[in-house]
Each structure stands twice: as C-alpha cells, then as structure tokens.
Amino acid sequence: MTEEIEFILDSTKESMVGSIAHLEKEFLNIRAGKASPQMLGSVFVDYYGAQTPLSQIANVNIPDARTITIQPYEKNMLQTIEKAIMVANIGFNPMNNGDVIIINVPALTEERRRDLVKQAKAESEDAKIGIRNARKDANTEIKKLEKEGTSEDICKSAEEDVQKLTDSFIRKIEEHLANKEAEIMKV
C-alpha cells in the first residue's frame, strides 16, 4: 500500500476517533438522574468581567447521589454563581445557605427519561454523520489517487479498509447509545 493511502486511512481513523470522543463528551452532559459534576459543565460565571467555567472558581462536590454542593473559592461569588446556574437553564434550583450552594437533583420522570433517550439518540446520529463524512472524504481522496495513476486494486482495497473502519466505529456508537439508554432508563 502506498504512503498516501496509509496517510488517508490514518487521518480517517483519527477523525472517527474524534467523533466518538465528542459523543462521549456529549453523553456526559445528558444526566441520568445521578448527580455528577459534569452536569454543571455548561455553567459559565461572570468572574470579574470574564466568562469563566464554574469549575475554575468553585469546588464542586457530590456528597450523595442526589446532591451537588458548590463551594466558591471566594465567598462573595455565591450570588453570582447562583445566578449563573439559573441563567444556564439546566433545570436546577440552587439553594444558597451563605457558605455553599446546594442543588438537589430531582428524580427523573418517565417522560423526562424518554426525552433524554431521544437526546442521546440525536447525539449518536450526529456522531454517525461525522463518521460517514470521514468515510466520504477518505473515498474522495482515494478516487483522486486512482485518477493520478495509483493501481485500481490498491484503491479498491483501501476503500474496503475505509468501509471496515466505518462499520467498526458505527458499532461503537451503537454500543455507547445502548449503554447510555440503559443508564437513563434505570430507575
């Protein structure tokens, strides 16, 4: 196999790995009823004029499965953090006791669980589109090489390798989705 084709296969695999990594990151933001610090990953706080991730200005802890506590490094940031959580519109009602902010993570209703599964399916579909786009780009590059004189057999073999890569990454996405769905639907 030529160096160009090996490069195409490597960059395609890298792109597909990136799609899976993005999916895993998105799945962390879909809460499954159990408290986790990632639930507050989308919260940005106005910290002296700069939008700063909550995790950089406060200690986020999970004392139990249904509670998140946020202890700011600077006590004067309590109201600002509380407001930022409300503005982020992630469905939490923060309570400020003067020292820490406490968030009780509500149990998920059946309807909410179904919505989260739909969201997970949409994210996995986006990841599949990313995988298919990587396949399309690779096949386009291989066709270009074939026009430039690379052997037809080598190009056919490379296209088959790209399809095998695509199939294996699509299977990985399906596995991730099945796991996330089970996690969400578990009461």
N, C-alpha and C. Protein backbone atom coordinates (compact mmCIF):
# COMPACT_ATOMS: atom_id res chain seq x y z
N MET A 1 0.84 -1.20 0.00
CA MET A 1 0.00 0.00 0.00
C MET A 1 0.88 1.25 0.00
N THR A 2 0.45 2.27 -0.69
CA THR A 2 1.26 3.47 -0.80
C THR A 2 1.17 4.30 0.48
N GLU A 3 2.14 5.18 0.64
CA GLU A 3 2.18 6.06 1.82
C GLU A 3 0.97 6.99 1.85
N GLU A 4 0.55 7.45 0.66
CA GLU A 4 -0.60 8.35 0.62
C GLU A 4 -1.84 7.67 1.16
N ILE A 5 -2.04 6.41 0.76
CA ILE A 5 -3.24 5.68 1.21
C ILE A 5 -3.15 5.41 2.71
N GLU A 6 -1.97 5.05 3.18
CA GLU A 6 -1.82 4.85 4.63
C GLU A 6 -2.14 6.15 5.39
N PHE A 7 -1.69 7.26 4.84
CA PHE A 7 -1.98 8.56 5.47
C PHE A 7 -3.48 8.83 5.49
N ILE A 8 -4.15 8.54 4.37
CA ILE A 8 -5.60 8.74 4.29
C ILE A 8 -6.30 7.88 5.34
N LEU A 9 -5.90 6.61 5.43
CA LEU A 9 -6.53 5.71 6.41
C LEU A 9 -6.29 6.19 7.84
N ASP A 10 -5.06 6.63 8.13
CA ASP A 10 -4.75 7.12 9.48
C ASP A 10 -5.56 8.36 9.82
N SER A 11 -5.63 9.31 8.89
CA SER A 11 -6.36 10.54 9.19
C SER A 11 -7.86 10.27 9.29
N THR A 12 -8.37 9.30 8.51
CA THR A 12 -9.78 8.93 8.60
C THR A 12 -10.07 8.32 9.97
N LYS A 13 -9.18 7.43 10.41
CA LYS A 13 -9.38 6.80 11.73
C LYS A 13 -9.33 7.87 12.82
N GLU A 14 -8.40 8.80 12.70
CA GLU A 14 -8.28 9.88 13.68
C GLU A 14 -9.56 10.71 13.75
N SER A 15 -10.12 11.00 12.59
CA SER A 15 -11.36 11.76 12.52
C SER A 15 -12.51 10.98 13.17
N MET A 16 -12.56 9.69 12.93
CA MET A 16 -13.62 8.85 13.51
C MET A 16 -13.47 8.74 15.03
N VAL A 17 -12.24 8.63 15.49
CA VAL A 17 -11.98 8.61 16.94
C VAL A 17 -12.46 9.92 17.56
N GLY A 18 -12.25 11.02 16.84
CA GLY A 18 -12.71 12.33 17.31
C GLY A 18 -14.23 12.38 17.44
N SER A 19 -14.93 11.76 16.49
CA SER A 19 -16.40 11.71 16.55
C SER A 19 -16.87 10.94 17.78
N ILE A 20 -16.20 9.83 18.07
CA ILE A 20 -16.56 9.03 19.26
C ILE A 20 -16.28 9.83 20.53
N ALA A 21 -15.13 10.49 20.59
CA ALA A 21 -14.77 11.29 21.78
C ALA A 21 -15.80 12.40 22.00
N HIS A 22 -16.22 13.04 20.92
CA HIS A 22 -17.23 14.10 21.04
C HIS A 22 -18.55 13.53 21.57
N LEU A 23 -18.93 12.36 21.06
CA LEU A 23 -20.16 11.71 21.52
C LEU A 23 -20.08 11.42 23.01
N GLU A 24 -18.95 10.87 23.46
CA GLU A 24 -18.79 10.55 24.89
C GLU A 24 -18.92 11.82 25.73
N LYS A 25 -18.33 12.92 25.25
CA LYS A 25 -18.41 14.19 25.97
C LYS A 25 -19.86 14.67 26.05
N GLU A 26 -20.57 14.57 24.93
CA GLU A 26 -21.98 14.99 24.91
C GLU A 26 -22.83 14.12 25.83
N PHE A 27 -22.53 12.82 25.86
CA PHE A 27 -23.28 11.91 26.73
C PHE A 27 -23.09 12.26 28.21
N LEU A 28 -21.92 12.80 28.56
CA LEU A 28 -21.70 13.20 29.96
C LEU A 28 -22.65 14.31 30.37
N ASN A 29 -23.05 15.14 29.42
CA ASN A 29 -23.95 16.25 29.72
C ASN A 29 -25.41 15.82 29.82
N ILE A 30 -25.71 14.59 29.36
CA ILE A 30 -27.08 14.08 29.48
C ILE A 30 -27.17 13.37 30.81
N ARG A 31 -27.85 14.00 31.74
CA ARG A 31 -27.88 13.44 33.08
C ARG A 31 -28.84 12.26 33.18
N ALA A 32 -28.45 11.30 33.97
CA ALA A 32 -29.27 10.09 34.11
C ALA A 32 -29.79 9.98 35.54
N GLY A 33 -30.14 11.09 36.15
CA GLY A 33 -30.74 11.04 37.48
C GLY A 33 -29.75 11.00 38.62
N LYS A 34 -28.50 10.67 38.32
CA LYS A 34 -27.48 10.61 39.35
C LYS A 34 -26.63 11.87 39.25
N ALA A 35 -26.40 12.52 40.37
CA ALA A 35 -25.63 13.77 40.38
C ALA A 35 -24.20 13.53 39.91
N SER A 36 -23.69 14.47 39.12
CA SER A 36 -22.27 14.42 38.72
C SER A 36 -21.81 15.84 38.41
N PRO A 37 -20.53 16.13 38.64
CA PRO A 37 -20.02 17.49 38.38
C PRO A 37 -20.18 17.92 36.92
N GLN A 38 -20.19 16.95 35.98
CA GLN A 38 -20.32 17.30 34.56
C GLN A 38 -21.66 17.96 34.25
N MET A 39 -22.65 17.77 35.12
CA MET A 39 -23.97 18.39 34.89
C MET A 39 -23.86 19.91 34.86
N LEU A 40 -22.82 20.43 35.53
CA LEU A 40 -22.65 21.87 35.58
C LEU A 40 -21.57 22.35 34.60
N GLY A 41 -21.20 21.48 33.67
CA GLY A 41 -20.15 21.81 32.70
C GLY A 41 -20.49 22.98 31.80
N SER A 42 -21.79 23.23 31.60
CA SER A 42 -22.18 24.32 30.71
C SER A 42 -22.39 25.64 31.45
N VAL A 43 -22.10 25.66 32.75
CA VAL A 43 -22.32 26.88 33.54
C VAL A 43 -21.06 27.75 33.50
N PHE A 44 -21.23 28.98 33.02
CA PHE A 44 -20.15 29.96 33.00
C PHE A 44 -20.54 31.13 33.89
N VAL A 45 -19.60 31.55 34.72
CA VAL A 45 -19.86 32.60 35.70
C VAL A 45 -19.11 33.87 35.32
N ASP A 46 -19.75 35.02 35.51
CA ASP A 46 -19.10 36.31 35.27
C ASP A 46 -18.11 36.55 36.42
N TYR A 47 -16.85 36.27 36.16
CA TYR A 47 -15.81 36.38 37.20
C TYR A 47 -14.95 37.60 36.88
N TYR A 48 -15.25 38.70 37.52
CA TYR A 48 -14.55 39.96 37.29
C TYR A 48 -14.51 40.33 35.81
N GLY A 49 -15.67 40.20 35.15
CA GLY A 49 -15.79 40.63 33.77
C GLY A 49 -15.50 39.56 32.73
N ALA A 50 -15.01 38.40 33.15
CA ALA A 50 -14.70 37.33 32.18
C ALA A 50 -15.63 36.14 32.43
N GLN A 51 -16.15 35.56 31.34
CA GLN A 51 -16.98 34.36 31.48
C GLN A 51 -16.06 33.17 31.77
N THR A 52 -16.19 32.63 32.98
CA THR A 52 -15.28 31.59 33.46
C THR A 52 -16.06 30.33 33.80
N PRO A 53 -15.55 29.14 33.43
CA PRO A 53 -16.24 27.90 33.80
C PRO A 53 -16.37 27.80 35.33
N LEU A 54 -17.52 27.32 35.79
CA LEU A 54 -17.79 27.21 37.22
C LEU A 54 -16.69 26.43 37.95
N SER A 55 -16.19 25.36 37.32
CA SER A 55 -15.19 24.51 37.96
C SER A 55 -13.88 25.25 38.27
N GLN A 56 -13.65 26.41 37.63
CA GLN A 56 -12.41 27.15 37.88
C GLN A 56 -12.52 28.15 39.02
N ILE A 57 -13.75 28.41 39.48
CA ILE A 57 -13.89 29.40 40.55
C ILE A 57 -14.57 28.82 41.79
N ALA A 58 -14.88 27.51 41.75
CA ALA A 58 -15.54 26.89 42.89
C ALA A 58 -15.22 25.40 42.93
N ASN A 59 -15.38 24.85 44.12
CA ASN A 59 -15.19 23.42 44.33
C ASN A 59 -16.56 22.76 44.20
N VAL A 60 -16.70 21.84 43.25
CA VAL A 60 -17.98 21.16 43.03
C VAL A 60 -17.87 19.75 43.59
N ASN A 61 -18.75 19.43 44.55
CA ASN A 61 -18.72 18.10 45.18
C ASN A 61 -20.05 17.40 45.04
N ILE A 62 -20.00 16.07 45.17
CA ILE A 62 -21.19 15.23 45.11
C ILE A 62 -21.26 14.44 46.43
N PRO A 63 -21.91 15.01 47.47
CA PRO A 63 -21.97 14.29 48.75
C PRO A 63 -22.82 13.02 48.70
N ASP A 64 -23.84 13.00 47.84
CA ASP A 64 -24.63 11.78 47.65
C ASP A 64 -25.19 11.77 46.22
N ALA A 65 -25.93 10.72 45.88
CA ALA A 65 -26.38 10.52 44.51
C ALA A 65 -27.36 11.59 44.00
N ARG A 66 -27.96 12.35 44.91
CA ARG A 66 -28.97 13.33 44.50
C ARG A 66 -28.60 14.77 44.85
N THR A 67 -27.37 15.02 45.29
CA THR A 67 -27.00 16.36 45.74
C THR A 67 -25.67 16.80 45.13
N ILE A 68 -25.64 18.07 44.74
CA ILE A 68 -24.40 18.70 44.28
C ILE A 68 -24.17 19.89 45.20
N THR A 69 -22.95 20.02 45.73
CA THR A 69 -22.62 21.22 46.52
C THR A 69 -21.54 21.99 45.78
N ILE A 70 -21.67 23.31 45.84
CA ILE A 70 -20.70 24.19 45.18
C ILE A 70 -20.16 25.15 46.22
N GLN A 71 -18.87 25.07 46.46
CA GLN A 71 -18.24 25.97 47.42
C GLN A 71 -17.27 26.88 46.67
N PRO A 72 -17.64 28.17 46.52
CA PRO A 72 -16.77 29.09 45.78
C PRO A 72 -15.47 29.33 46.55
N TYR A 73 -14.40 29.58 45.79
CA TYR A 73 -13.12 29.90 46.41
C TYR A 73 -13.19 31.28 47.07
N GLU A 74 -14.08 32.13 46.56
CA GLU A 74 -14.29 33.45 47.15
C GLU A 74 -15.76 33.54 47.56
N LYS A 75 -16.01 33.80 48.83
CA LYS A 75 -17.37 33.79 49.35
C LYS A 75 -18.28 34.81 48.66
N ASN A 76 -17.72 35.94 48.22
CA ASN A 76 -18.55 36.97 47.58
C ASN A 76 -19.10 36.54 46.22
N MET A 77 -18.70 35.37 45.73
CA MET A 77 -19.16 34.88 44.42
C MET A 77 -20.44 34.05 44.54
N LEU A 78 -20.94 33.81 45.75
CA LEU A 78 -22.11 32.95 45.93
C LEU A 78 -23.30 33.36 45.07
N GLN A 79 -23.71 34.65 45.17
CA GLN A 79 -24.87 35.11 44.41
C GLN A 79 -24.62 35.04 42.90
N THR A 80 -23.41 35.38 42.49
CA THR A 80 -23.07 35.37 41.06
C THR A 80 -23.17 33.95 40.52
N ILE A 81 -22.66 32.98 41.27
CA ILE A 81 -22.71 31.57 40.84
C ILE A 81 -24.17 31.10 40.79
N GLU A 82 -24.93 31.46 41.82
CA GLU A 82 -26.34 31.06 41.88
C GLU A 82 -27.09 31.59 40.65
N LYS A 83 -26.83 32.86 40.32
CA LYS A 83 -27.48 33.49 39.16
C LYS A 83 -27.05 32.78 37.86
N ALA A 84 -25.76 32.45 37.75
CA ALA A 84 -25.23 31.78 36.55
C ALA A 84 -25.90 30.42 36.34
N ILE A 85 -26.16 29.70 37.43
CA ILE A 85 -26.81 28.39 37.33
C ILE A 85 -28.24 28.57 36.82
N MET A 86 -28.92 29.61 37.31
CA MET A 86 -30.29 29.88 36.86
C MET A 86 -30.28 30.26 35.37
N VAL A 87 -29.33 31.12 34.97
CA VAL A 87 -29.23 31.59 33.58
C VAL A 87 -28.91 30.43 32.62
N ALA A 88 -28.11 29.46 33.10
CA ALA A 88 -27.71 28.33 32.25
C ALA A 88 -28.91 27.46 31.86
N ASN A 89 -30.02 27.61 32.59
CA ASN A 89 -31.27 26.93 32.27
C ASN A 89 -31.08 25.41 32.10
N ILE A 90 -30.48 24.79 33.12
CA ILE A 90 -30.27 23.34 33.06
C ILE A 90 -31.24 22.58 33.96
N GLY A 91 -32.25 23.29 34.44
CA GLY A 91 -33.31 22.62 35.19
C GLY A 91 -33.02 22.44 36.67
N PHE A 92 -32.09 23.19 37.21
CA PHE A 92 -31.76 23.07 38.63
C PHE A 92 -32.20 24.30 39.38
N ASN A 93 -32.55 24.10 40.66
CA ASN A 93 -32.95 25.20 41.51
C ASN A 93 -31.92 25.30 42.65
N PRO A 94 -30.90 26.16 42.49
CA PRO A 94 -29.85 26.24 43.52
C PRO A 94 -30.34 26.90 44.80
N MET A 95 -29.86 26.40 45.93
CA MET A 95 -30.17 27.00 47.24
C MET A 95 -28.87 27.48 47.86
N ASN A 96 -28.86 28.74 48.27
CA ASN A 96 -27.67 29.36 48.84
C ASN A 96 -27.86 29.43 50.36
N ASN A 97 -26.96 28.77 51.12
CA ASN A 97 -27.10 28.83 52.58
C ASN A 97 -26.09 29.78 53.22
N GLY A 98 -25.42 30.60 52.41
CA GLY A 98 -24.46 31.56 52.94
C GLY A 98 -23.02 31.06 52.89
N ASP A 99 -22.83 29.74 52.85
CA ASP A 99 -21.48 29.16 52.75
C ASP A 99 -21.30 28.42 51.43
N VAL A 100 -22.30 27.62 51.11
CA VAL A 100 -22.24 26.82 49.88
C VAL A 100 -23.58 26.92 49.15
N ILE A 101 -23.53 26.53 47.88
CA ILE A 101 -24.77 26.42 47.10
C ILE A 101 -25.08 24.94 47.01
N ILE A 102 -26.31 24.60 47.33
CA ILE A 102 -26.73 23.19 47.31
C ILE A 102 -27.76 23.02 46.19
N ILE A 103 -27.56 21.99 45.38
CA ILE A 103 -28.51 21.68 44.33
C ILE A 103 -29.02 20.26 44.56
N ASN A 104 -30.32 20.13 44.71
CA ASN A 104 -30.93 18.80 44.79
C ASN A 104 -31.31 18.38 43.38
N VAL A 105 -30.75 17.26 42.94
CA VAL A 105 -31.03 16.76 41.60
C VAL A 105 -32.34 15.98 41.67
N PRO A 106 -33.38 16.47 40.99
CA PRO A 106 -34.67 15.79 41.08
C PRO A 106 -34.64 14.42 40.39
N ALA A 107 -35.45 13.50 40.91
CA ALA A 107 -35.57 12.19 40.26
C ALA A 107 -36.22 12.41 38.90
N LEU A 108 -35.85 11.60 37.95
CA LEU A 108 -36.37 11.77 36.60
C LEU A 108 -37.73 11.10 36.45
N THR A 109 -38.64 11.79 35.78
CA THR A 109 -39.94 11.20 35.47
C THR A 109 -39.77 10.31 34.24
N GLU A 110 -40.74 9.46 34.00
CA GLU A 110 -40.69 8.57 32.83
C GLU A 110 -40.62 9.39 31.54
N GLU A 111 -41.40 10.47 31.49
CA GLU A 111 -41.42 11.33 30.30
C GLU A 111 -40.05 11.98 30.08
N ARG A 112 -39.45 12.46 31.17
CA ARG A 112 -38.13 13.09 31.07
C ARG A 112 -37.08 12.08 30.61
N ARG A 113 -37.19 10.84 31.12
CA ARG A 113 -36.25 9.79 30.69
C ARG A 113 -36.35 9.56 29.19
N ARG A 114 -37.59 9.51 28.67
CA ARG A 114 -37.78 9.31 27.23
C ARG A 114 -37.16 10.46 26.44
N ASP A 115 -37.34 11.69 26.95
CA ASP A 115 -36.75 12.85 26.28
C ASP A 115 -35.22 12.75 26.25
N LEU A 116 -34.64 12.30 27.37
CA LEU A 116 -33.18 12.15 27.44
C LEU A 116 -32.70 11.07 26.47
N VAL A 117 -33.47 9.99 26.34
CA VAL A 117 -33.11 8.93 25.38
C VAL A 117 -33.14 9.50 23.96
N LYS A 118 -34.18 10.32 23.66
CA LYS A 118 -34.26 10.96 22.33
C LYS A 118 -33.03 11.84 22.09
N GLN A 119 -32.65 12.58 23.13
CA GLN A 119 -31.48 13.45 23.03
C GLN A 119 -30.22 12.61 22.77
N ALA A 120 -30.09 11.49 23.47
CA ALA A 120 -28.93 10.61 23.29
C ALA A 120 -28.92 10.04 21.87
N LYS A 121 -30.10 9.67 21.37
CA LYS A 121 -30.18 9.13 20.00
C LYS A 121 -29.77 10.20 18.98
N ALA A 122 -30.20 11.44 19.22
CA ALA A 122 -29.84 12.53 18.31
C ALA A 122 -28.33 12.75 18.32
N GLU A 123 -27.72 12.71 19.50
CA GLU A 123 -26.26 12.88 19.59
C GLU A 123 -25.54 11.74 18.88
N SER A 124 -26.05 10.51 19.03
CA SER A 124 -25.38 9.38 18.38
C SER A 124 -25.56 9.47 16.86
N GLU A 125 -26.69 9.99 16.41
CA GLU A 125 -26.90 10.17 14.98
C GLU A 125 -25.91 11.21 14.43
N ASP A 126 -25.68 12.28 15.19
CA ASP A 126 -24.69 13.29 14.78
C ASP A 126 -23.30 12.65 14.67
N ALA A 127 -22.97 11.78 15.61
CA ALA A 127 -21.67 11.11 15.57
C ALA A 127 -21.57 10.21 14.33
N LYS A 128 -22.66 9.53 14.01
CA LYS A 128 -22.66 8.66 12.82
C LYS A 128 -22.45 9.50 11.56
N ILE A 129 -23.07 10.67 11.53
CA ILE A 129 -22.89 11.56 10.38
C ILE A 129 -21.42 11.96 10.26
N GLY A 130 -20.79 12.24 11.40
CA GLY A 130 -19.36 12.56 11.40
C GLY A 130 -18.53 11.42 10.84
N ILE A 131 -18.87 10.19 11.24
CA ILE A 131 -18.16 9.00 10.75
C ILE A 131 -18.35 8.87 9.23
N ARG A 132 -19.59 9.04 8.78
CA ARG A 132 -19.87 8.90 7.34
C ARG A 132 -19.18 9.99 6.53
N ASN A 133 -19.11 11.18 7.09
CA ASN A 133 -18.40 12.27 6.39
C ASN A 133 -16.92 11.94 6.27
N ALA A 134 -16.35 11.36 7.32
CA ALA A 134 -14.93 10.97 7.26
C ALA A 134 -14.73 9.91 6.17
N ARG A 135 -15.69 8.97 6.09
CA ARG A 135 -15.60 7.93 5.05
C ARG A 135 -15.66 8.57 3.66
N LYS A 136 -16.60 9.51 3.49
CA LYS A 136 -16.77 10.17 2.18
C LYS A 136 -15.49 10.92 1.79
N ASP A 137 -14.92 11.64 2.75
CA ASP A 137 -13.68 12.38 2.47
C ASP A 137 -12.55 11.42 2.08
N ALA A 138 -12.45 10.31 2.80
CA ALA A 138 -11.39 9.34 2.50
C ALA A 138 -11.58 8.76 1.10
N ASN A 139 -12.81 8.38 0.78
CA ASN A 139 -13.07 7.79 -0.54
C ASN A 139 -12.80 8.79 -1.65
N THR A 140 -13.10 10.07 -1.43
CA THR A 140 -12.81 11.11 -2.41
C THR A 140 -11.31 11.20 -2.64
N GLU A 141 -10.54 11.18 -1.55
CA GLU A 141 -9.08 11.23 -1.67
C GLU A 141 -8.54 10.01 -2.42
N ILE A 142 -9.11 8.84 -2.12
CA ILE A 142 -8.66 7.60 -2.79
C ILE A 142 -8.96 7.67 -4.29
N LYS A 143 -10.14 8.18 -4.65
CA LYS A 143 -10.50 8.32 -6.07
C LYS A 143 -9.52 9.27 -6.78
N LYS A 144 -9.13 10.34 -6.06
CA LYS A 144 -8.16 11.28 -6.63
C LYS A 144 -6.85 10.57 -6.93
N LEU A 145 -6.40 9.74 -5.99
CA LEU A 145 -5.14 9.00 -6.18
C LEU A 145 -5.26 8.04 -7.36
N GLU A 146 -6.46 7.43 -7.49
CA GLU A 146 -6.66 6.49 -8.60
C GLU A 146 -6.54 7.23 -9.94
N LYS A 147 -7.11 8.44 -10.01
CA LYS A 147 -7.01 9.24 -11.24
C LYS A 147 -5.57 9.65 -11.52
N GLU A 148 -4.78 9.79 -10.43
CA GLU A 148 -3.38 10.20 -10.59
C GLU A 148 -2.48 9.01 -10.93
N GLY A 149 -3.09 7.81 -11.05
CA GLY A 149 -2.29 6.68 -11.51
C GLY A 149 -2.04 5.58 -10.49
N THR A 150 -2.58 5.69 -9.28
CA THR A 150 -2.42 4.60 -8.31
C THR A 150 -3.23 3.40 -8.80
N SER A 151 -2.71 2.21 -8.58
CA SER A 151 -3.34 0.98 -9.07
C SER A 151 -4.78 0.86 -8.57
N GLU A 152 -5.64 0.36 -9.49
CA GLU A 152 -7.06 0.21 -9.16
C GLU A 152 -7.26 -0.78 -8.01
N ASP A 153 -6.46 -1.85 -7.99
CA ASP A 153 -6.57 -2.86 -6.93
C ASP A 153 -6.24 -2.25 -5.57
N ILE A 154 -5.19 -1.45 -5.52
CA ILE A 154 -4.79 -0.82 -4.26
C ILE A 154 -5.90 0.11 -3.78
N CYS A 155 -6.48 0.85 -4.71
CA CYS A 155 -7.56 1.79 -4.35
C CYS A 155 -8.80 1.05 -3.87
N LYS A 156 -9.17 -0.05 -4.55
CA LYS A 156 -10.33 -0.85 -4.13
C LYS A 156 -10.09 -1.38 -2.72
N SER A 157 -8.89 -1.90 -2.49
CA SER A 157 -8.54 -2.44 -1.17
C SER A 157 -8.63 -1.34 -0.10
N ALA A 158 -8.16 -0.15 -0.44
CA ALA A 158 -8.21 0.97 0.51
C ALA A 158 -9.65 1.36 0.82
N GLU A 159 -10.51 1.36 -0.22
CA GLU A 159 -11.92 1.68 0.00
C GLU A 159 -12.58 0.65 0.92
N GLU A 160 -12.20 -0.62 0.74
CA GLU A 160 -12.74 -1.68 1.62
C GLU A 160 -12.27 -1.46 3.06
N ASP A 161 -11.00 -1.07 3.22
CA ASP A 161 -10.48 -0.79 4.57
C ASP A 161 -11.23 0.36 5.22
N VAL A 162 -11.52 1.40 4.43
CA VAL A 162 -12.27 2.55 4.95
C VAL A 162 -13.67 2.10 5.38
N GLN A 163 -14.29 1.22 4.58
CA GLN A 163 -15.64 0.74 4.93
C GLN A 163 -15.60 -0.09 6.22
N LYS A 164 -14.55 -0.92 6.37
CA LYS A 164 -14.41 -1.72 7.61
C LYS A 164 -14.26 -0.80 8.82
N LEU A 165 -13.44 0.24 8.66
CA LEU A 165 -13.28 1.23 9.74
C LEU A 165 -14.62 1.86 10.08
N THR A 166 -15.35 2.27 9.04
CA THR A 166 -16.65 2.92 9.23
C THR A 166 -17.59 1.99 10.00
N ASP A 167 -17.67 0.73 9.57
CA ASP A 167 -18.56 -0.24 10.22
C ASP A 167 -18.19 -0.42 11.70
N SER A 168 -16.89 -0.52 11.98
CA SER A 168 -16.49 -0.75 13.38
C SER A 168 -16.82 0.47 14.25
N PHE A 169 -16.65 1.68 13.71
CA PHE A 169 -16.96 2.88 14.51
C PHE A 169 -18.47 3.07 14.68
N ILE A 170 -19.24 2.70 13.67
CA ILE A 170 -20.71 2.78 13.80
C ILE A 170 -21.16 1.80 14.90
N ARG A 171 -20.54 0.61 14.94
CA ARG A 171 -20.87 -0.36 16.01
C ARG A 171 -20.54 0.22 17.38
N LYS A 172 -19.40 0.90 17.49
CA LYS A 172 -19.02 1.52 18.78
C LYS A 172 -20.07 2.54 19.21
N ILE A 173 -20.55 3.33 18.26
CA ILE A 173 -21.57 4.33 18.57
C ILE A 173 -22.84 3.64 19.07
N GLU A 174 -23.23 2.56 18.39
CA GLU A 174 -24.43 1.81 18.80
C GLU A 174 -24.26 1.27 20.23
N GLU A 175 -23.06 0.77 20.55
CA GLU A 175 -22.79 0.27 21.91
C GLU A 175 -22.91 1.39 22.93
N HIS A 176 -22.29 2.55 22.62
CA HIS A 176 -22.38 3.69 23.54
C HIS A 176 -23.83 4.10 23.77
N LEU A 177 -24.61 4.13 22.69
CA LEU A 177 -26.01 4.52 22.80
C LEU A 177 -26.78 3.51 23.65
N ALA A 178 -26.56 2.23 23.42
CA ALA A 178 -27.26 1.20 24.20
C ALA A 178 -26.93 1.34 25.69
N ASN A 179 -25.65 1.59 26.00
CA ASN A 179 -25.25 1.76 27.40
C ASN A 179 -25.89 3.00 28.02
N LYS A 180 -25.90 4.10 27.27
CA LYS A 180 -26.48 5.35 27.78
C LYS A 180 -27.98 5.19 27.97
N GLU A 181 -28.64 4.51 27.03
CA GLU A 181 -30.08 4.30 27.13
C GLU A 181 -30.40 3.47 28.38
N ALA A 182 -29.62 2.41 28.63
CA ALA A 182 -29.84 1.58 29.81
C ALA A 182 -29.64 2.42 31.08
N GLU A 183 -28.60 3.26 31.07
CA GLU A 183 -28.31 4.11 32.23
C GLU A 183 -29.46 5.09 32.50
N ILE A 184 -30.00 5.68 31.44
CA ILE A 184 -31.09 6.65 31.58
C ILE A 184 -32.37 5.98 32.07
N MET A 185 -32.69 4.82 31.51
CA MET A 185 -33.97 4.17 31.82
C MET A 185 -33.95 3.43 33.16
N LYS A 186 -32.74 3.21 33.72
CA LYS A 186 -32.66 2.51 35.01
C LYS A 186 -33.21 3.41 36.10
N VAL A 187 -34.19 2.90 36.85
CA VAL A 187 -34.83 3.71 37.89
C VAL A 187 -34.09 3.53 39.20
